[in-house]
Protein backbone atom coordinates (compact mmCIF):
# COMPACT_ATOMS: atom_id res chain seq x y z
CA MET A 1 31.15 -47.49 1.66
CA GLU A 2 28.40 -50.39 2.44
CA VAL A 3 25.22 -50.27 2.36
CA ASP A 4 23.80 -50.89 5.85
CA THR A 5 20.13 -51.28 4.86
CA ALA A 6 18.02 -51.80 1.58
CA VAL A 7 14.40 -51.52 1.60
CA PRO A 8 13.26 -50.71 -2.15
CA PRO A 9 12.22 -48.37 -3.23
CA SER A 10 11.80 -46.18 -0.34
CA ARG A 11 14.60 -46.22 1.95
CA PHE A 12 18.48 -46.79 1.20
CA VAL A 13 22.10 -46.09 4.11
CA THR A 14 25.04 -46.50 3.59
CA ARG A 15 28.15 -46.20 6.33
CA ILE A 16 31.76 -45.26 5.36
CA ALA A 17 33.20 -48.39 5.61
CA ASP A 18 37.07 -47.68 5.66
CA PRO A 19 38.00 -46.66 9.58
CA ASP A 20 41.47 -45.04 7.63
CA GLN A 21 39.27 -41.79 7.01
CA PRO A 22 39.78 -38.49 9.12
CA PHE A 23 35.47 -39.16 8.79
CA GLY A 24 33.31 -41.73 9.21
CA GLY A 25 29.50 -41.94 9.38
CA THR A 26 25.91 -43.06 7.17
CA TRP A 27 24.05 -41.00 4.47
CA THR A 28 20.25 -42.06 5.16
CA PHE A 29 17.65 -42.37 1.56
CA ASP A 30 13.86 -41.61 2.52
CA ILE A 31 11.76 -42.70 -0.28
CA THR A 32 8.18 -40.64 -0.15
CA PRO A 33 5.41 -40.42 -2.60
CA GLU A 34 3.94 -36.77 -2.61
CA ASN A 35 1.66 -34.79 -4.78
CA GLY A 36 1.89 -37.83 -7.63
CA GLY A 37 5.96 -37.07 -7.55
CA ALA A 38 8.19 -37.66 -4.67
CA ARG A 39 10.06 -36.54 -1.62
CA LEU A 40 14.08 -37.20 -1.64
CA THR A 41 15.28 -36.64 2.26
CA ILE A 42 18.31 -37.69 2.99
CA THR A 43 19.87 -37.40 6.41
CA GLU A 44 23.88 -37.41 7.28
CA ARG A 45 24.84 -38.86 10.29
CA GLY A 46 28.65 -37.63 10.74
CA GLU A 47 31.52 -37.50 12.31
CA ILE A 48 35.17 -35.90 11.86
CA TYR A 49 37.82 -37.39 13.94
CA ASN A 50 40.68 -35.32 12.41
CA PRO A 51 40.89 -31.52 13.71
CA ILE A 52 42.77 -30.10 10.80
CA PHE A 53 39.94 -31.74 8.87
CA ARG A 54 36.47 -30.27 11.26
CA CYS A 55 38.64 -27.11 10.52
CA MET A 56 38.36 -26.93 7.10
CA ALA A 57 34.29 -28.30 7.22
CA ARG A 58 33.88 -25.91 9.18
CA PHE A 59 34.92 -23.17 8.03
CA VAL A 60 36.32 -23.79 4.33
CA PHE A 61 34.23 -26.04 2.59
CA GLY A 62 31.49 -26.37 5.04
CA TYR A 63 29.79 -29.11 6.66
CA THR A 64 26.62 -29.58 3.42
CA ALA A 65 29.12 -29.70 0.07
CA THR A 66 28.67 -32.74 -0.43
CA MET A 67 24.84 -32.92 -0.16
CA GLU A 68 24.48 -30.64 -1.63
CA GLY A 69 26.21 -31.58 -4.84
CA TYR A 70 24.88 -34.69 -4.74
CA LEU A 71 21.34 -32.94 -4.71
CA ARG A 72 22.62 -31.02 -7.48
CA SER A 73 23.45 -33.81 -9.67
CA LEU A 74 20.11 -35.68 -9.20
CA GLY A 75 18.25 -32.95 -10.19
CA LYS A 76 20.52 -32.40 -13.39
CA LYS A 77 19.72 -36.22 -14.57
CA LEU A 78 16.01 -35.67 -13.13
CA GLY A 79 15.24 -32.15 -15.45
CA ALA A 80 15.61 -29.76 -12.75
CA ALA A 81 16.39 -26.71 -13.82
């Protein structure tokens, strides 16, 4: 991974930098103030190059598994139930 854009404290964009991976793309993290707190929006723009990996993503672990795991870990770190 490499940092593509960093605009503290509101935007952070990472990119998969290894061309040998079966997938690629970017994750964009946008943080906006909301009701005395903040809202985190994650946008994933991904590509899955390998057809076998694409099939596994679709039918085995899903397209959003990594993002959901990240959000669960972040919530746990911040004290969410």
